[in-house]
Amino acid sequence: MAQKKTTVKGEKKYWVVTDDNQYQEVDHDDLMKNPMDYVGKKIFDKPPFKYELVVSLKRTKND
């Protein structure tokens, strides 16, 4: 008998902008349990992408 593939998804994460213009990562459950802590603050979905800064040197010919 064939079985379904099950995927375990993590809990939904949000970014909350603090008073210092810093981002705090918060779970969905934390928002629902303590809504008064986050009233009046900007809340964004956590982006699914991670970025990596890559710096490289390029050799050029001197004139």
PDB file of N, CA and C in Angstrom:
ATOM      1  N   MET A   1       0.839  -1.174   0.000  1.00  0.00           N
ATOM      2  CA  MET A   1       0.000   0.000   0.000  1.00  0.00           C
ATOM      3  C   MET A   1       0.891   1.246   0.000  1.00  0.00           C
ATOM      4  N   ALA A   2       0.556   2.180  -0.837  1.00  0.00           N
ATOM      5  CA  ALA A   2       1.336   3.415  -0.945  1.00  0.00           C
ATOM      6  C   ALA A   2       1.034   4.330   0.238  1.00  0.00           C
ATOM      7  N   GLN A   3       2.078   5.043   0.657  1.00  0.00           N
ATOM      8  CA  GLN A   3       1.910   5.977   1.759  1.00  0.00           C
ATOM      9  C   GLN A   3       2.086   7.397   1.267  1.00  0.00           C
ATOM     10  N   LYS A   4       1.406   8.296   1.922  1.00  0.00           N
ATOM     11  CA  LYS A   4       1.554   9.712   1.585  1.00  0.00           C
ATOM     12  C   LYS A   4       2.857  10.232   2.159  1.00  0.00           C
ATOM     13  N   LYS A   5       3.456  11.135   1.437  1.00  0.00           N
ATOM     14  CA  LYS A   5       4.625  11.809   1.976  1.00  0.00           C
ATOM     15  C   LYS A   5       4.136  12.896   2.926  1.00  0.00           C
ATOM     16  N   THR A   6       4.720  12.925   4.071  1.00  0.00           N
ATOM     17  CA  THR A   6       4.342  13.960   5.030  1.00  0.00           C
ATOM     18  C   THR A   6       5.522  14.903   5.201  1.00  0.00           C
ATOM     19  N   THR A   7       5.223  16.155   5.185  1.00  0.00           N
ATOM     20  CA  THR A   7       6.254  17.153   5.398  1.00  0.00           C
ATOM     21  C   THR A   7       5.945  17.878   6.696  1.00  0.00           C
ATOM     22  N   VAL A   8       6.977  18.132   7.431  1.00  0.00           N
ATOM     23  CA  VAL A   8       6.816  18.842   8.694  1.00  0.00           C
ATOM     24  C   VAL A   8       7.182  20.292   8.446  1.00  0.00           C
ATOM     25  N   LYS A   9       6.188  21.127   8.544  1.00  0.00           N
ATOM     26  CA  LYS A   9       6.434  22.549   8.355  1.00  0.00           C
ATOM     27  C   LYS A   9       6.642  23.191   9.709  1.00  0.00           C
ATOM     28  N   GLY A  10       7.553  24.154   9.732  1.00  0.00           N
ATOM     29  CA  GLY A  10       7.790  24.872  10.966  1.00  0.00           C
ATOM     30  C   GLY A  10       6.651  25.828  11.253  1.00  0.00           C
ATOM     31  N   GLU A  11       6.678  26.340  12.414  1.00  0.00           N
ATOM     32  CA  GLU A  11       5.649  27.278  12.815  1.00  0.00           C
ATOM     33  C   GLU A  11       5.868  28.605  12.100  1.00  0.00           C
ATOM     34  N   LYS A  12       4.807  29.296  11.818  1.00  0.00           N
ATOM     35  CA  LYS A  12       4.868  30.584  11.118  1.00  0.00           C
ATOM     36  C   LYS A  12       5.635  31.591  11.968  1.00  0.00           C
ATOM     37  N   LYS A  13       6.594  32.275  11.358  1.00  0.00           N
ATOM     38  CA  LYS A  13       7.404  33.274  12.053  1.00  0.00           C
ATOM     39  C   LYS A  13       7.064  34.660  11.519  1.00  0.00           C
ATOM     40  N   TYR A  14       7.165  35.633  12.393  1.00  0.00           N
ATOM     41  CA  TYR A  14       6.931  37.022  12.032  1.00  0.00           C
ATOM     42  C   TYR A  14       8.093  37.869  12.533  1.00  0.00           C
ATOM     43  N   TRP A  15       8.294  39.010  11.891  1.00  0.00           N
ATOM     44  CA  TRP A  15       9.260  39.997  12.347  1.00  0.00           C
ATOM     45  C   TRP A  15       8.486  41.157  12.935  1.00  0.00           C
ATOM     46  N   VAL A  16       8.852  41.557  14.132  1.00  0.00           N
ATOM     47  CA  VAL A  16       8.233  42.682  14.811  1.00  0.00           C
ATOM     48  C   VAL A  16       9.288  43.767  14.945  1.00  0.00           C
ATOM     49  N   VAL A  17       8.965  44.980  14.500  1.00  0.00           N
ATOM     50  CA  VAL A  17       9.894  46.098  14.594  1.00  0.00           C
ATOM     51  C   VAL A  17       9.810  46.645  16.017  1.00  0.00           C
ATOM     52  N   THR A  18      10.954  46.664  16.710  1.00  0.00           N
ATOM     53  CA  THR A  18      10.998  47.158  18.081  1.00  0.00           C
ATOM     54  C   THR A  18      11.200  48.664  18.079  1.00  0.00           C
ATOM     55  N   ASP A  19      11.233  49.247  19.269  1.00  0.00           N
ATOM     56  CA  ASP A  19      11.397  50.693  19.407  1.00  0.00           C
ATOM     57  C   ASP A  19      12.755  51.172  18.891  1.00  0.00           C
ATOM     58  N   ASP A  20      13.761  50.307  18.891  1.00  0.00           N
ATOM     59  CA  ASP A  20      15.109  50.665  18.440  1.00  0.00           C
ATOM     60  C   ASP A  20      15.292  50.452  16.942  1.00  0.00           C
ATOM     61  N   ASN A  21      14.195  50.251  16.203  1.00  0.00           N
ATOM     62  CA  ASN A  21      14.224  49.929  14.772  1.00  0.00           C
ATOM     63  C   ASN A  21      15.006  48.649  14.501  1.00  0.00           C
ATOM     64  N   GLN A  22      14.918  47.717  15.408  1.00  0.00           N
ATOM     65  CA  GLN A  22      15.503  46.395  15.247  1.00  0.00           C
ATOM     66  C   GLN A  22      14.364  45.409  14.998  1.00  0.00           C
ATOM     67  N   TYR A  23      14.697  44.264  14.399  1.00  0.00           N
ATOM     68  CA  TYR A  23      13.698  43.236  14.147  1.00  0.00           C
ATOM     69  C   TYR A  23      13.803  42.151  15.197  1.00  0.00           C
ATOM     70  N   GLN A  24      12.661  41.738  15.707  1.00  0.00           N
ATOM     71  CA  GLN A  24      12.579  40.631  16.661  1.00  0.00           C
ATOM     72  C   GLN A  24      11.775  39.536  15.996  1.00  0.00           C
ATOM     73  N   GLU A  25      12.311  38.328  15.967  1.00  0.00           N
ATOM     74  CA  GLU A  25      11.618  37.207  15.354  1.00  0.00           C
ATOM     75  C   GLU A  25      10.680  36.590  16.373  1.00  0.00           C
ATOM     76  N   VAL A  26       9.387  36.478  16.008  1.00  0.00           N
ATOM     77  CA  VAL A  26       8.360  36.028  16.939  1.00  0.00           C
ATOM     78  C   VAL A  26       7.536  34.932  16.276  1.00  0.00           C
ATOM     79  N   ASP A  27       7.189  33.896  17.048  1.00  0.00           N
ATOM     80  CA  ASP A  27       6.321  32.826  16.565  1.00  0.00           C
ATOM     81  C   ASP A  27       4.864  33.289  16.564  1.00  0.00           C
ATOM     82  N   HIS A  28       4.065  32.590  15.776  1.00  0.00           N
ATOM     83  CA  HIS A  28       2.643  32.897  15.702  1.00  0.00           C
ATOM     84  C   HIS A  28       1.971  32.704  17.067  1.00  0.00           C
ATOM     85  N   ASP A  29       2.357  31.643  17.771  1.00  0.00           N
ATOM     86  CA  ASP A  29       1.757  31.376  19.084  1.00  0.00           C
ATOM     87  C   ASP A  29       2.058  32.488  20.082  1.00  0.00           C
ATOM     88  N   ASP A  30       3.277  33.042  20.030  1.00  0.00           N
ATOM     89  CA  ASP A  30       3.626  34.143  20.934  1.00  0.00           C
ATOM     90  C   ASP A  30       2.765  35.369  20.674  1.00  0.00           C
ATOM     91  N   LEU A  31       2.466  35.622  19.406  1.00  0.00           N
ATOM     92  CA  LEU A  31       1.605  36.762  19.071  1.00  0.00           C
ATOM     93  C   LEU A  31       0.188  36.556  19.604  1.00  0.00           C
ATOM     94  N   MET A  32      -0.296  35.323  19.505  1.00  0.00           N
ATOM     95  CA  MET A  32      -1.658  35.049  19.936  1.00  0.00           C
ATOM     96  C   MET A  32      -1.773  35.002  21.463  1.00  0.00           C
ATOM     97  N   LYS A  33      -0.733  34.542  22.153  1.00  0.00           N
ATOM     98  CA  LYS A  33      -0.786  34.432  23.612  1.00  0.00           C
ATOM     99  C   LYS A  33      -0.601  35.785  24.301  1.00  0.00           C
ATOM    100  N   ASN A  34       0.228  36.661  23.712  1.00  0.00           N
ATOM    101  CA  ASN A  34       0.534  37.959  24.324  1.00  0.00           C
ATOM    102  C   ASN A  34       0.287  39.098  23.339  1.00  0.00           C
ATOM    103  N   PRO A  35      -0.943  39.330  22.932  1.00  0.00           N
ATOM    104  CA  PRO A  35      -1.195  40.351  21.910  1.00  0.00           C
ATOM    105  C   PRO A  35      -0.921  41.774  22.393  1.00  0.00           C
ATOM    106  N   MET A  36      -1.055  42.021  23.688  1.00  0.00           N
ATOM    107  CA  MET A  36      -0.851  43.377  24.195  1.00  0.00           C
ATOM    108  C   MET A  36       0.617  43.814  24.084  1.00  0.00           C
ATOM    109  N   ASP A  37       1.542  42.860  24.047  1.00  0.00           N
ATOM    110  CA  ASP A  37       2.962  43.199  23.900  1.00  0.00           C
ATOM    111  C   ASP A  37       3.271  43.751  22.521  1.00  0.00           C
ATOM    112  N   TYR A  38       2.435  43.446  21.532  1.00  0.00           N
ATOM    113  CA  TYR A  38       2.724  43.795  20.146  1.00  0.00           C
ATOM    114  C   TYR A  38       1.735  44.799  19.551  1.00  0.00           C
ATOM    115  N   VAL A  39       0.847  45.349  20.371  1.00  0.00           N
ATOM    116  CA  VAL A  39      -0.127  46.322  19.881  1.00  0.00           C
ATOM    117  C   VAL A  39       0.604  47.602  19.498  1.00  0.00           C
ATOM    118  N   GLY A  40       0.324  48.121  18.305  1.00  0.00           N
ATOM    119  CA  GLY A  40       0.918  49.369  17.852  1.00  0.00           C
ATOM    120  C   GLY A  40       2.285  49.202  17.203  1.00  0.00           C
ATOM    121  N   LYS A  41       2.776  47.982  17.074  1.00  0.00           N
ATOM    122  CA  LYS A  41       4.072  47.739  16.444  1.00  0.00           C
ATOM    123  C   LYS A  41       3.851  47.193  15.036  1.00  0.00           C
ATOM    124  N   LYS A  42       4.823  47.437  14.175  1.00  0.00           N
ATOM    125  CA  LYS A  42       4.753  46.916  12.811  1.00  0.00           C
ATOM    126  C   LYS A  42       5.153  45.447  12.829  1.00  0.00           C
ATOM    127  N   ILE A  43       4.337  44.626  12.161  1.00  0.00           N
ATOM    128  CA  ILE A  43       4.573  43.186  12.107  1.00  0.00           C
ATOM    129  C   ILE A  43       4.610  42.770  10.642  1.00  0.00           C
ATOM    130  N   PHE A  44       5.667  42.046  10.252  1.00  0.00           N
ATOM    131  CA  PHE A  44       5.849  41.592   8.881  1.00  0.00           C
ATOM    132  C   PHE A  44       6.007  40.082   8.856  1.00  0.00           C
ATOM    133  N   ASP A  45       5.594  39.464   7.731  1.00  0.00           N
ATOM    134  CA  ASP A  45       5.897  38.052   7.515  1.00  0.00           C
ATOM    135  C   ASP A  45       7.401  37.911   7.380  1.00  0.00           C
ATOM    136  N   LYS A  46       7.925  36.847   7.927  1.00  0.00           N
ATOM    137  CA  LYS A  46       9.352  36.592   7.778  1.00  0.00           C
ATOM    138  C   LYS A  46       9.595  36.151   6.334  1.00  0.00           C
ATOM    139  N   PRO A  47      10.514  36.802   5.644  1.00  0.00           N
ATOM    140  CA  PRO A  47      10.795  36.385   4.269  1.00  0.00           C
ATOM    141  C   PRO A  47      11.367  34.967   4.222  1.00  0.00           C
ATOM    142  N   PRO A  48      11.014  34.211   3.197  1.00  0.00           N
ATOM    143  CA  PRO A  48      11.505  32.831   3.127  1.00  0.00           C
ATOM    144  C   PRO A  48      12.930  32.735   2.608  1.00  0.00           C
ATOM    145  N   PHE A  49      13.516  33.839   2.185  1.00  0.00           N
ATOM    146  CA  PHE A  49      14.837  33.805   1.585  1.00  0.00           C
ATOM    147  C   PHE A  49      15.903  34.248   2.567  1.00  0.00           C
ATOM    148  N   LYS A  50      17.073  33.664   2.432  1.00  0.00           N
ATOM    149  CA  LYS A  50      18.238  34.113   3.178  1.00  0.00           C
ATOM    150  C   LYS A  50      19.212  34.677   2.161  1.00  0.00           C
ATOM    151  N   TYR A  51      19.889  35.724   2.546  1.00  0.00           N
ATOM    152  CA  TYR A  51      20.843  36.359   1.653  1.00  0.00           C
ATOM    153  C   TYR A  51      22.238  36.227   2.224  1.00  0.00           C
ATOM    154  N   GLU A  52      23.186  36.076   1.341  1.00  0.00           N
ATOM    155  CA  GLU A  52      24.582  35.978   1.746  1.00  0.00           C
ATOM    156  C   GLU A  52      25.359  37.021   0.959  1.00  0.00           C
ATOM    157  N   LEU A  53      26.139  37.814   1.659  1.00  0.00           N
ATOM    158  CA  LEU A  53      26.942  38.851   1.024  1.00  0.00           C
ATOM    159  C   LEU A  53      28.233  38.219   0.530  1.00  0.00           C
ATOM    160  N   VAL A  54      28.517  38.391  -0.767  1.00  0.00           N
ATOM    161  CA  VAL A  54      29.721  37.829  -1.364  1.00  0.00           C
ATOM    162  C   VAL A  54      30.538  38.976  -1.926  1.00  0.00           C
ATOM    163  N   VAL A  55      31.799  39.058  -1.512  1.00  0.00           N
ATOM    164  CA  VAL A  55      32.699  40.097  -1.989  1.00  0.00           C
ATOM    165  C   VAL A  55      33.863  39.410  -2.687  1.00  0.00           C
ATOM    166  N   SER A  56      34.209  39.910  -3.868  1.00  0.00           N
ATOM    167  CA  SER A  56      35.325  39.313  -4.589  1.00  0.00           C
ATOM    168  C   SER A  56      36.193  40.409  -5.189  1.00  0.00           C
ATOM    169  N   LEU A  57      37.429  40.078  -5.477  1.00  0.00           N
ATOM    170  CA  LEU A  57      38.357  41.004  -6.113  1.00  0.00           C
ATOM    171  C   LEU A  57      38.476  40.655  -7.582  1.00  0.00           C
ATOM    172  N   LYS A  58      38.598  41.682  -8.401  1.00  0.00           N
ATOM    173  CA  LYS A  58      38.758  41.478  -9.825  1.00  0.00           C
ATOM    174  C   LYS A  58      40.103  42.072 -10.232  1.00  0.00           C
ATOM    175  N   ARG A  59      40.929  41.297 -10.909  1.00  0.00           N
ATOM    176  CA  ARG A  59      42.236  41.765 -11.344  1.00  0.00           C
ATOM    177  C   ARG A  59      42.066  42.580 -12.628  1.00  0.00           C
ATOM    178  N   THR A  60      42.674  43.753 -12.629  1.00  0.00           N
ATOM    179  CA  THR A  60      42.645  44.608 -13.803  1.00  0.00           C
ATOM    180  C   THR A  60      44.078  44.953 -14.212  1.00  0.00           C
ATOM    181  N   LYS A  61      44.256  45.326 -15.448  1.00  0.00           N
ATOM    182  CA  LYS A  61      45.569  45.681 -15.956  1.00  0.00           C
ATOM    183  C   LYS A  61      45.838  47.158 -15.677  1.00  0.00           C
ATOM    184  N   ASN A  62      47.060  47.452 -15.163  1.00  0.00           N
ATOM    185  CA  ASN A  62      47.437  48.847 -14.931  1.00  0.00           C
ATOM    186  C   ASN A  62      47.762  49.531 -16.251  1.00  0.00           C
ATOM    187  N   ASP A  63      47.374  50.763 -16.379  1.00  0.00           N
ATOM    188  CA  ASP A  63      47.660  51.510 -17.625  1.00  0.00           C
ATOM    189  C   ASP A  63      48.960  52.240 -17.521  1.00  0.00           C
TER     190      ASP A  63
END
